[in-house]
């Protein structure tokens, strides 16, 4: 017996078909200059985080707030805003999806996915 058919109300005359299920982990990216055709989706980050080792960089909460509140920063603008983060990205990350991690004063972890 199909689980979807079991879950549907008995008054429904036609069978129900599930066409999509799950969490998006990756999506096609349109940014030029990156070596990867796909980027990590924010929705799938909790599932991928244990497997991402190199494409991670700590940053300040202020930098996360800035990145979320305005249009994308160029590498030059990021260098002026957060020189330490720009140096870490340049030293250890490849172009593509990067997980930026910050910790608030209350100890809460913030993680966002950014294109580098």
N, C-alpha and C. Protein backbone atom coordinates (compact mmCIF):
# COMPACT_ATOMS: atom_id res chain seq x y z
N UNK A 1 0.86 -1.18 0.00
CA UNK A 1 0.00 0.00 0.00
C UNK A 1 0.90 1.24 0.00
N UNK A 2 0.56 2.17 -0.84
CA UNK A 2 1.32 3.41 -0.99
C UNK A 2 1.03 4.34 0.19
N UNK A 3 2.08 4.90 0.81
CA UNK A 3 1.90 5.79 1.95
C UNK A 3 1.13 7.05 1.58
N UNK A 4 1.34 7.55 0.37
CA UNK A 4 0.60 8.75 -0.06
C UNK A 4 -0.88 8.44 -0.16
N UNK A 5 -1.22 7.28 -0.71
CA UNK A 5 -2.63 6.90 -0.82
C UNK A 5 -3.26 6.69 0.56
N UNK A 6 -2.48 6.18 1.51
CA UNK A 6 -3.00 6.00 2.87
C UNK A 6 -3.28 7.34 3.53
N UNK A 7 -2.45 8.36 3.24
CA UNK A 7 -2.58 9.66 3.90
C UNK A 7 -3.70 10.51 3.32
N UNK A 8 -4.10 10.28 2.07
CA UNK A 8 -5.13 11.13 1.46
C UNK A 8 -6.50 10.81 2.03
N UNK A 9 -7.35 11.82 2.06
CA UNK A 9 -8.72 11.58 2.55
C UNK A 9 -9.45 10.61 1.63
N UNK A 10 -10.32 9.80 2.19
CA UNK A 10 -11.05 8.81 1.41
C UNK A 10 -12.04 9.46 0.45
N UNK A 11 -12.35 10.73 0.65
CA UNK A 11 -13.29 11.43 -0.23
C UNK A 11 -12.63 11.91 -1.52
N UNK A 12 -11.33 11.84 -1.60
CA UNK A 12 -10.59 12.29 -2.79
C UNK A 12 -10.74 11.23 -3.89
N UNK A 13 -11.34 11.55 -5.04
CA UNK A 13 -11.60 10.53 -6.06
C UNK A 13 -10.36 10.05 -6.81
N UNK A 14 -9.33 10.88 -6.91
CA UNK A 14 -8.16 10.49 -7.69
C UNK A 14 -6.99 10.22 -6.76
N UNK A 15 -6.06 9.36 -7.18
CA UNK A 15 -4.86 9.14 -6.36
C UNK A 15 -3.98 10.39 -6.34
N UNK A 16 -3.29 10.60 -5.24
CA UNK A 16 -2.41 11.75 -5.08
C UNK A 16 -0.99 11.30 -5.42
N UNK A 17 -0.27 12.12 -6.17
CA UNK A 17 1.11 11.80 -6.52
C UNK A 17 2.05 12.85 -5.97
N UNK A 18 3.07 12.41 -5.29
CA UNK A 18 4.10 13.33 -4.80
C UNK A 18 5.07 13.59 -5.93
N UNK A 19 5.24 14.85 -6.30
CA UNK A 19 6.15 15.18 -7.41
C UNK A 19 7.48 15.73 -6.91
N UNK A 20 7.49 16.26 -5.71
CA UNK A 20 8.71 16.80 -5.13
C UNK A 20 8.73 16.51 -3.64
N UNK A 21 9.88 16.13 -3.15
CA UNK A 21 10.04 15.91 -1.72
C UNK A 21 11.50 16.10 -1.37
N UNK A 22 11.78 16.55 -0.18
CA UNK A 22 13.16 16.69 0.26
C UNK A 22 13.59 18.14 0.36
N UNK A 23 14.89 18.31 0.55
CA UNK A 23 15.50 19.63 0.74
C UNK A 23 16.48 19.87 -0.39
N UNK A 24 16.42 21.07 -0.97
CA UNK A 24 17.40 21.40 -2.00
C UNK A 24 18.77 21.60 -1.35
N UNK A 25 19.75 20.89 -1.84
CA UNK A 25 21.12 21.04 -1.34
C UNK A 25 21.93 21.97 -2.22
N UNK A 26 21.73 21.88 -3.53
CA UNK A 26 22.48 22.68 -4.49
C UNK A 26 21.52 23.28 -5.50
N UNK A 27 21.94 24.40 -6.12
CA UNK A 27 21.21 24.93 -7.26
C UNK A 27 22.21 25.50 -8.25
N UNK A 28 21.79 25.54 -9.50
CA UNK A 28 22.67 26.06 -10.55
C UNK A 28 22.98 27.52 -10.27
N UNK A 29 24.21 27.90 -10.48
CA UNK A 29 24.58 29.29 -10.25
C UNK A 29 24.89 29.95 -11.58
N UNK A 30 24.58 31.22 -11.64
CA UNK A 30 24.78 31.97 -12.87
C UNK A 30 25.96 32.92 -12.77
N UNK A 31 26.62 32.95 -11.64
CA UNK A 31 27.76 33.86 -11.46
C UNK A 31 28.93 33.39 -12.31
N UNK A 32 29.52 34.33 -13.02
CA UNK A 32 30.65 33.98 -13.87
C UNK A 32 31.94 34.07 -13.05
N UNK A 33 32.95 33.31 -13.48
CA UNK A 33 34.24 33.37 -12.82
C UNK A 33 34.43 32.37 -11.70
N UNK A 34 33.42 31.55 -11.45
CA UNK A 34 33.57 30.52 -10.44
C UNK A 34 33.77 29.19 -11.15
N UNK A 35 34.52 28.31 -10.53
CA UNK A 35 34.85 27.03 -11.15
C UNK A 35 33.79 25.96 -10.99
N UNK A 36 32.71 26.26 -10.32
CA UNK A 36 31.68 25.26 -10.04
C UNK A 36 30.35 25.73 -10.62
N UNK A 37 29.62 24.81 -11.23
CA UNK A 37 28.34 25.15 -11.85
C UNK A 37 27.19 25.21 -10.85
N UNK A 38 27.42 24.73 -9.63
CA UNK A 38 26.37 24.70 -8.62
C UNK A 38 26.86 25.37 -7.34
N UNK A 39 25.89 25.92 -6.60
CA UNK A 39 26.23 26.51 -5.31
C UNK A 39 25.37 25.87 -4.23
N UNK A 40 25.83 25.94 -3.00
CA UNK A 40 25.12 25.38 -1.85
C UNK A 40 23.92 26.25 -1.54
N UNK A 41 22.77 25.63 -1.30
CA UNK A 41 21.56 26.36 -0.89
C UNK A 41 21.56 26.52 0.62
N UNK A 42 21.06 27.64 1.09
CA UNK A 42 20.97 27.89 2.52
C UNK A 42 20.10 26.82 3.18
N UNK A 43 19.04 26.35 2.49
CA UNK A 43 18.14 25.33 3.06
C UNK A 43 18.88 24.03 3.36
N UNK A 44 19.84 23.68 2.53
CA UNK A 44 20.55 22.41 2.69
C UNK A 44 21.80 22.51 3.54
N UNK A 45 22.14 23.71 3.99
CA UNK A 45 23.38 23.91 4.74
C UNK A 45 23.51 23.01 5.97
N UNK A 46 22.48 22.85 6.80
CA UNK A 46 22.65 21.98 7.98
C UNK A 46 23.04 20.55 7.62
N UNK A 47 22.60 20.08 6.46
CA UNK A 47 22.91 18.71 6.04
C UNK A 47 24.31 18.59 5.45
N UNK A 48 24.79 19.66 4.83
CA UNK A 48 26.10 19.63 4.19
C UNK A 48 27.24 20.09 5.10
N UNK A 49 26.92 20.85 6.13
CA UNK A 49 27.94 21.44 7.00
C UNK A 49 28.95 20.44 7.55
N UNK A 50 28.54 19.25 7.99
CA UNK A 50 29.55 18.30 8.49
C UNK A 50 30.57 17.87 7.43
N UNK A 51 30.23 18.05 6.15
CA UNK A 51 31.11 17.61 5.07
C UNK A 51 31.93 18.74 4.46
N UNK A 52 31.63 19.98 4.84
CA UNK A 52 32.35 21.14 4.30
C UNK A 52 33.49 21.46 5.26
N UNK A 53 34.71 21.35 4.77
CA UNK A 53 35.87 21.60 5.64
C UNK A 53 36.67 22.83 5.20
N UNK A 54 36.97 22.94 3.92
CA UNK A 54 37.84 24.01 3.46
C UNK A 54 37.10 25.30 3.14
N UNK A 55 35.90 25.21 2.64
CA UNK A 55 35.16 26.39 2.19
C UNK A 55 34.39 27.03 3.34
N UNK A 56 35.07 27.26 4.46
CA UNK A 56 34.48 27.87 5.66
C UNK A 56 35.39 28.96 6.16
N UNK A 57 34.79 30.04 6.67
CA UNK A 57 35.60 31.13 7.22
C UNK A 57 34.84 31.82 8.34
N UNK A 58 35.52 32.04 9.47
CA UNK A 58 34.88 32.81 10.54
C UNK A 58 34.83 34.28 10.17
N UNK A 59 33.80 34.95 10.64
CA UNK A 59 33.68 36.40 10.41
C UNK A 59 32.92 37.02 11.57
N UNK A 60 32.79 38.32 11.55
CA UNK A 60 32.08 39.02 12.62
C UNK A 60 30.58 39.06 12.34
N UNK A 61 29.80 39.24 13.38
CA UNK A 61 28.36 39.38 13.25
C UNK A 61 28.04 40.63 12.42
N UNK A 62 28.84 41.67 12.58
CA UNK A 62 28.63 42.90 11.82
C UNK A 62 28.80 42.66 10.32
N UNK A 63 29.76 41.82 9.96
CA UNK A 63 29.97 41.50 8.55
C UNK A 63 28.79 40.72 8.00
N UNK A 64 28.27 39.77 8.76
CA UNK A 64 27.10 39.01 8.32
C UNK A 64 25.93 39.97 8.11
N UNK A 65 25.70 40.88 9.06
CA UNK A 65 24.61 41.85 8.95
C UNK A 65 24.78 42.72 7.70
N UNK A 66 26.00 43.13 7.44
CA UNK A 66 26.28 43.95 6.26
C UNK A 66 26.00 43.18 4.97
N UNK A 67 26.46 41.93 4.91
CA UNK A 67 26.25 41.12 3.72
C UNK A 67 24.77 40.85 3.45
N UNK A 68 23.98 40.74 4.51
CA UNK A 68 22.56 40.45 4.35
C UNK A 68 21.72 41.69 4.09
N UNK A 69 22.27 42.87 4.32
CA UNK A 69 21.47 44.09 4.23
C UNK A 69 21.72 44.93 2.99
N UNK A 70 22.65 44.54 2.15
CA UNK A 70 22.93 45.37 0.97
C UNK A 70 23.27 44.50 -0.23
N UNK A 71 23.40 45.11 -1.39
CA UNK A 71 23.77 44.34 -2.58
C UNK A 71 25.13 43.67 -2.39
N UNK A 72 25.45 42.70 -3.22
CA UNK A 72 26.72 41.97 -3.06
C UNK A 72 27.94 42.89 -3.06
N UNK A 73 28.89 42.54 -2.21
CA UNK A 73 30.15 43.29 -2.12
C UNK A 73 31.16 42.72 -3.10
N UNK A 74 31.93 43.57 -3.71
CA UNK A 74 33.04 43.10 -4.53
C UNK A 74 34.18 42.70 -3.58
N UNK A 75 35.18 42.01 -4.11
CA UNK A 75 36.33 41.62 -3.28
C UNK A 75 37.02 42.86 -2.72
N UNK A 76 37.09 43.92 -3.50
CA UNK A 76 37.72 45.17 -3.05
C UNK A 76 36.94 45.79 -1.90
N UNK A 77 35.59 45.83 -2.03
CA UNK A 77 34.75 46.38 -0.96
C UNK A 77 34.84 45.53 0.30
N UNK A 78 34.87 44.22 0.14
CA UNK A 78 34.99 43.33 1.30
C UNK A 78 36.31 43.57 2.01
N UNK A 79 37.39 43.77 1.25
CA UNK A 79 38.69 44.05 1.84
C UNK A 79 38.69 45.32 2.67
N UNK A 80 37.93 46.33 2.24
CA UNK A 80 37.83 47.58 3.01
C UNK A 80 36.95 47.42 4.24
N UNK A 81 35.92 46.57 4.14
CA UNK A 81 34.96 46.37 5.23
C UNK A 81 35.49 45.43 6.30
N UNK A 82 36.03 44.29 5.88
CA UNK A 82 36.53 43.28 6.81
C UNK A 82 37.80 42.67 6.23
N UNK A 83 38.91 43.34 6.47
CA UNK A 83 40.19 42.93 5.89
C UNK A 83 40.60 41.53 6.34
N UNK A 84 40.31 41.18 7.58
CA UNK A 84 40.70 39.85 8.09
C UNK A 84 39.94 38.75 7.35
N UNK A 85 38.65 38.94 7.11
CA UNK A 85 37.86 37.96 6.37
C UNK A 85 38.36 37.85 4.94
N UNK A 86 38.62 38.97 4.30
CA UNK A 86 39.11 38.96 2.92
C UNK A 86 40.42 38.19 2.82
N UNK A 87 41.29 38.37 3.80
CA UNK A 87 42.58 37.66 3.80
C UNK A 87 42.38 36.16 3.99
N UNK A 88 41.47 35.77 4.91
CA UNK A 88 41.19 34.34 5.13
C UNK A 88 40.60 33.69 3.88
N UNK A 89 39.68 34.37 3.23
CA UNK A 89 39.08 33.83 2.01
C UNK A 89 40.13 33.65 0.92
N UNK A 90 40.97 34.64 0.77
CA UNK A 90 42.00 34.58 -0.27
C UNK A 90 43.00 33.46 0.02
N UNK A 91 43.33 33.25 1.29
CA UNK A 91 44.34 32.27 1.67
C UNK A 91 43.83 30.83 1.63
N UNK A 92 42.56 30.60 1.97
CA UNK A 92 42.14 29.21 2.16
C UNK A 92 40.92 28.77 1.37
N UNK A 93 40.26 29.64 0.63
CA UNK A 93 39.03 29.24 -0.05
C UNK A 93 39.15 29.38 -1.56
N UNK A 94 38.55 28.43 -2.26
CA UNK A 94 38.44 28.47 -3.72
C UNK A 94 37.23 29.32 -4.10
N UNK A 95 37.20 29.86 -5.31
CA UNK A 95 35.98 30.55 -5.76
C UNK A 95 34.79 29.60 -5.75
N UNK A 96 33.64 30.10 -5.35
CA UNK A 96 32.42 29.30 -5.27
C UNK A 96 31.71 29.55 -3.96
N UNK A 97 30.95 28.58 -3.50
CA UNK A 97 30.21 28.71 -2.24
C UNK A 97 31.16 28.66 -1.05
N UNK A 98 30.94 29.58 -0.11
CA UNK A 98 31.73 29.64 1.12
C UNK A 98 30.75 29.80 2.28
N UNK A 99 30.99 29.08 3.36
CA UNK A 99 30.17 29.21 4.56
C UNK A 99 30.86 30.21 5.48
N UNK A 100 30.16 31.31 5.78
CA UNK A 100 30.67 32.31 6.71
C UNK A 100 30.02 32.05 8.06
N UNK A 101 30.84 31.98 9.10
CA UNK A 101 30.35 31.63 10.43
C UNK A 101 30.66 32.74 11.42
N UNK A 102 29.65 33.11 12.19
CA UNK A 102 29.82 34.14 13.21
C UNK A 102 29.14 33.65 14.50
N UNK A 103 29.59 34.17 15.62
CA UNK A 103 29.00 33.85 16.91
C UNK A 103 28.58 35.15 17.59
N UNK A 104 27.33 35.23 18.01
CA UNK A 104 26.83 36.43 18.67
C UNK A 104 27.37 36.51 20.09
N UNK A 105 27.14 37.64 20.74
CA UNK A 105 27.58 37.82 22.13
C UNK A 105 26.90 36.83 23.06
N UNK A 106 25.70 36.36 22.67
CA UNK A 106 24.97 35.39 23.48
C UNK A 106 25.38 33.95 23.18
N UNK A 107 26.32 33.76 22.25
CA UNK A 107 26.81 32.44 21.92
C UNK A 107 26.06 31.73 20.81
N UNK A 108 25.15 32.42 20.14
CA UNK A 108 24.39 31.82 19.05
C UNK A 108 25.22 31.80 17.78
N UNK A 109 25.24 30.65 17.10
CA UNK A 109 25.96 30.50 15.84
C UNK A 109 25.11 31.00 14.69
N UNK A 110 25.73 31.79 13.80
CA UNK A 110 25.09 32.24 12.57
C UNK A 110 25.95 31.72 11.42
N UNK A 111 25.30 31.05 10.48
CA UNK A 111 26.03 30.53 9.31
C UNK A 111 25.26 30.93 8.07
N UNK A 112 25.97 31.55 7.12
CA UNK A 112 25.36 31.90 5.85
C UNK A 112 26.24 31.38 4.72
N UNK A 113 25.62 31.14 3.58
CA UNK A 113 26.34 30.72 2.40
C UNK A 113 26.52 31.94 1.51
N UNK A 114 27.72 32.18 1.07
CA UNK A 114 28.02 33.31 0.19
C UNK A 114 28.81 32.81 -1.01
N UNK A 115 28.70 33.50 -2.12
CA UNK A 115 29.54 33.20 -3.28
C UNK A 115 30.80 34.03 -3.18
N UNK A 116 31.93 33.37 -3.38
CA UNK A 116 33.22 34.06 -3.30
C UNK A 116 33.87 33.98 -4.65
